[in-house]
Protein backbone atom coordinates (compact mmCIF):
# COMPACT_ATOMS: atom_id res chain seq x y z
CA MET A 1 143.48 110.62 22.82
CA ASN A 2 146.75 110.51 24.75
CA ILE A 3 147.45 106.77 25.15
CA VAL A 4 149.81 107.12 28.13
CA ARG A 5 147.49 109.41 30.07
CA THR A 6 144.48 107.19 29.26
CA SER A 7 146.37 104.04 30.31
CA LYS A 8 147.34 105.63 33.61
CA PHE A 9 143.77 106.70 34.28
CA ILE A 10 142.41 103.23 33.50
CA SER A 11 145.11 101.73 35.77
CA LEU A 12 144.05 104.06 38.57
CA VAL A 13 140.41 103.08 38.16
CA LEU A 14 140.87 99.32 37.68
CA ARG A 15 143.61 98.86 40.29
CA HIS A 16 142.95 101.39 43.03
CA GLN A 17 139.86 103.60 42.77
CA PRO A 18 136.98 102.08 40.80
CA ASP A 19 134.58 104.24 42.79
CA LEU A 20 136.25 107.34 41.28
CA ILE A 21 133.99 106.85 38.25
CA GLY A 22 131.26 104.81 39.92
CA LEU A 23 132.50 101.30 39.04
CA THR A 24 132.11 98.12 41.01
CA LEU A 25 134.60 95.40 40.14
CA ASP A 26 133.58 91.78 40.53
CA ASP A 27 135.52 89.52 42.92
CA ALA A 28 138.14 88.81 40.24
CA GLY A 29 138.57 92.47 39.28
CA TRP A 30 136.52 92.38 36.08
CA VAL A 31 134.15 95.07 34.88
CA TYR A 32 132.15 95.22 31.65
CA VAL A 33 133.88 97.30 28.99
CA ASP A 34 130.68 99.27 28.29
CA VAL A 35 130.36 100.12 32.00
CA LEU A 36 133.99 101.30 32.09
CA LEU A 37 133.55 103.43 28.96
CA ASP A 38 130.29 104.95 30.28
CA GLY A 39 131.89 105.74 33.64
CA MET A 40 134.91 107.32 32.00
CA ALA A 41 132.69 109.45 29.72
CA ARG A 42 130.57 110.64 32.66
CA HIS A 43 133.77 111.81 34.35
CA GLY A 44 135.34 113.66 31.44
CA HIS A 45 137.46 110.85 29.96
CA ARG A 46 135.51 109.96 26.82
CA ILE A 47 137.15 107.26 24.71
CA THR A 48 135.81 104.77 22.18
CA ARG A 49 135.93 100.99 22.28
CA ALA A 50 138.62 101.16 19.58
CA ASP A 51 140.64 103.59 21.75
CA LEU A 52 140.40 101.19 24.68
CA GLU A 53 141.49 98.24 22.55
CA ARG A 54 144.48 100.30 21.36
CA VAL A 55 145.43 101.09 24.98
CA VAL A 56 145.22 97.39 25.88
CA ALA A 57 147.19 96.30 22.80
CA THR A 58 149.95 98.90 23.11
CA SER A 59 150.53 98.76 26.85
CA ASP A 60 154.24 98.00 27.14
CA LYS A 61 153.61 95.97 30.28
CA ARG A 62 150.29 94.46 29.14
CA ARG A 63 148.65 96.00 32.19
CA PHE A 64 145.15 95.01 31.15
CA ALA A 65 143.38 91.83 30.13
CA LEU A 66 140.21 91.51 28.11
CA SER A 67 138.00 88.50 28.74
CA GLU A 68 137.88 85.83 26.04
CA ASP A 69 134.60 87.20 24.74
CA GLY A 70 135.98 90.76 24.84
CA ARG A 71 133.09 92.02 26.96
CA ARG A 72 135.02 92.55 30.22
CA ILE A 73 138.35 94.09 31.23
CA ARG A 74 140.56 94.03 34.32
CA ALA A 75 144.03 95.05 35.42
CA SER A 76 146.46 92.12 35.27
CA GLN A 77 147.92 92.84 38.73
CA GLY A 78 148.89 95.66 41.08
CA HIS A 79 145.55 96.11 42.81
CA SER A 80 145.18 97.84 46.14
CA VAL A 81 141.44 97.06 46.15
CA ALA A 82 140.27 93.59 47.17
CA VAL A 83 140.23 91.22 44.19
CA GLU A 84 141.05 87.56 43.70
CA LEU A 85 142.77 87.24 40.34
CA GLY A 86 142.65 83.44 40.38
CA TYR A 87 146.27 82.84 39.42
CA GLU A 88 147.53 79.35 40.17
CA PRO A 89 150.80 78.82 42.03
CA ALA A 90 153.72 78.44 39.62
CA THR A 91 157.35 77.39 39.85
CA PRO A 92 159.51 80.44 39.25
CA PRO A 93 162.82 80.55 37.42
CA ASP A 94 165.90 80.24 39.64
CA ARG A 95 166.34 84.02 39.77
CA LEU A 96 163.87 86.85 39.67
CA TYR A 97 164.58 90.56 39.78
CA HIS A 98 163.14 93.63 41.45
CA GLY A 99 163.86 97.18 40.36
CA THR A 100 163.82 99.98 42.89
CA GLY A 101 165.39 103.34 43.55
CA HIS A 102 168.81 103.59 45.19
CA ARG A 103 167.31 105.33 48.23
CA ASN A 104 165.19 102.22 49.02
CA VAL A 105 167.93 99.58 48.87
CA ALA A 106 169.19 99.69 52.48
CA ALA A 107 165.68 99.31 53.92
CA ILE A 108 164.80 96.50 51.50
CA LEU A 109 168.00 94.58 52.26
CA ARG A 110 167.25 95.00 55.99
CA ASP A 111 163.47 94.34 55.99
CA GLY A 112 162.81 92.44 52.75
CA LEU A 113 160.50 93.27 49.88
CA LYS A 114 157.02 94.06 51.16
CA ARG A 115 153.85 94.28 49.10
CA MET A 116 152.99 97.65 50.66
CA GLN A 117 149.45 98.64 49.52
CA ARG A 118 149.36 96.02 46.76
CA HIS A 119 148.30 92.40 46.98
CA HIS A 120 151.76 91.09 46.06
CA VAL A 121 155.40 91.98 45.56
CA HIS A 122 156.07 92.35 41.81
CA LEU A 123 159.13 90.63 40.33
CA SER A 124 160.55 90.50 36.82
CA ALA A 125 162.00 87.53 34.98
CA ASP A 126 164.82 89.65 33.56
CA PRO A 127 167.10 92.37 34.93
CA HIS A 128 166.38 94.78 32.05
CA THR A 129 162.67 94.98 32.93
CA ALA A 130 163.54 95.39 36.61
CA ARG A 131 165.92 98.25 35.79
CA THR A 132 163.20 99.95 33.74
CA VAL A 133 160.79 99.66 36.69
CA GLY A 134 163.47 100.96 39.04
CA THR A 135 163.89 104.16 37.03
CA ARG A 136 160.44 105.23 38.21
CA HIS A 137 161.88 105.41 41.73
CA GLY A 138 165.02 107.45 41.03
CA ARG A 139 168.46 106.07 40.30
CA PRO A 140 167.67 102.41 39.55
CA VAL A 141 169.07 99.43 41.40
CA VAL A 142 168.29 95.84 40.45
CA LEU A 143 167.89 93.36 43.29
CA ILE A 144 168.30 89.64 42.65
CA VAL A 145 165.82 87.28 44.28
CA ASP A 146 166.86 83.67 44.92
CA ALA A 147 163.47 82.42 43.77
CA ALA A 148 164.58 78.77 43.50
CA ARG A 149 165.52 78.67 47.19
CA MET A 150 162.41 80.62 48.20
CA SER A 151 160.19 78.20 46.31
CA ALA A 152 162.03 75.15 47.71
CA GLU A 153 161.54 76.55 51.21
CA GLY A 154 157.78 76.91 50.81
CA HIS A 155 157.19 80.41 49.47
CA THR A 156 154.43 80.58 46.87
CA PHE A 157 154.79 82.36 43.54
CA PHE A 158 152.22 83.24 40.91
CA ARG A 159 152.71 84.40 37.34
CA SER A 160 150.27 87.05 36.15
CA ALA A 161 148.73 87.15 32.69
CA ASN A 162 151.36 89.65 31.57
CA GLY A 163 154.34 87.67 32.87
CA VAL A 164 154.96 89.52 36.14
CA TRP A 165 155.92 87.20 38.99
CA LEU A 166 154.04 87.74 42.25
CA THR A 167 154.66 86.67 45.83
CA GLN A 168 153.53 87.89 49.25
CA PHE A 169 156.92 88.86 50.67
CA VAL A 170 160.62 88.40 49.92
CA PRO A 171 162.62 88.03 53.14
CA PRO A 172 166.02 89.75 53.11
CA ASP A 173 167.89 86.42 53.20
CA TYR A 174 166.82 85.79 49.59
CA LEU A 175 168.00 89.16 48.26
CA SER A 176 171.26 90.37 46.79
CA THR A 177 172.28 93.29 44.63
CA ALA A 178 173.26 92.92 41.00
């Protein structure tokens, strides 16, 4: 089993296209592990429960969460399908960071950070993680978000199970470059 390829496929299914393998996520994005494994096997992606647990445990970004009883799984964030993850509002650190490609910076500084097809804008608590994310989009640029001011002025933040900070939109007035 190729862990990276398997992780990407599971991300695709749990975040964007559960119907690709015949899954139905519950309102909070959960699906039974056995149902996921059966659906994957029916569509040419046969893995064992132990393989799945290894993918969950070794995901550098902890993309997936298993329920307390270990019977269900979901993506921690990044969904484009309708789910309600149930995260409570949280007070962010003073600064958060967003990594992007150089070609996107002018538009972001003009229009703000938009959630696009996702439920939220994803922000990192540290610039290193943001830079790593930014490399996926070309030459990386790290944007600084004045999260303290945003929060004080009524913007809501959430912290996902894997530590990613989430918000609906970051207006350009709260952004600067590193």
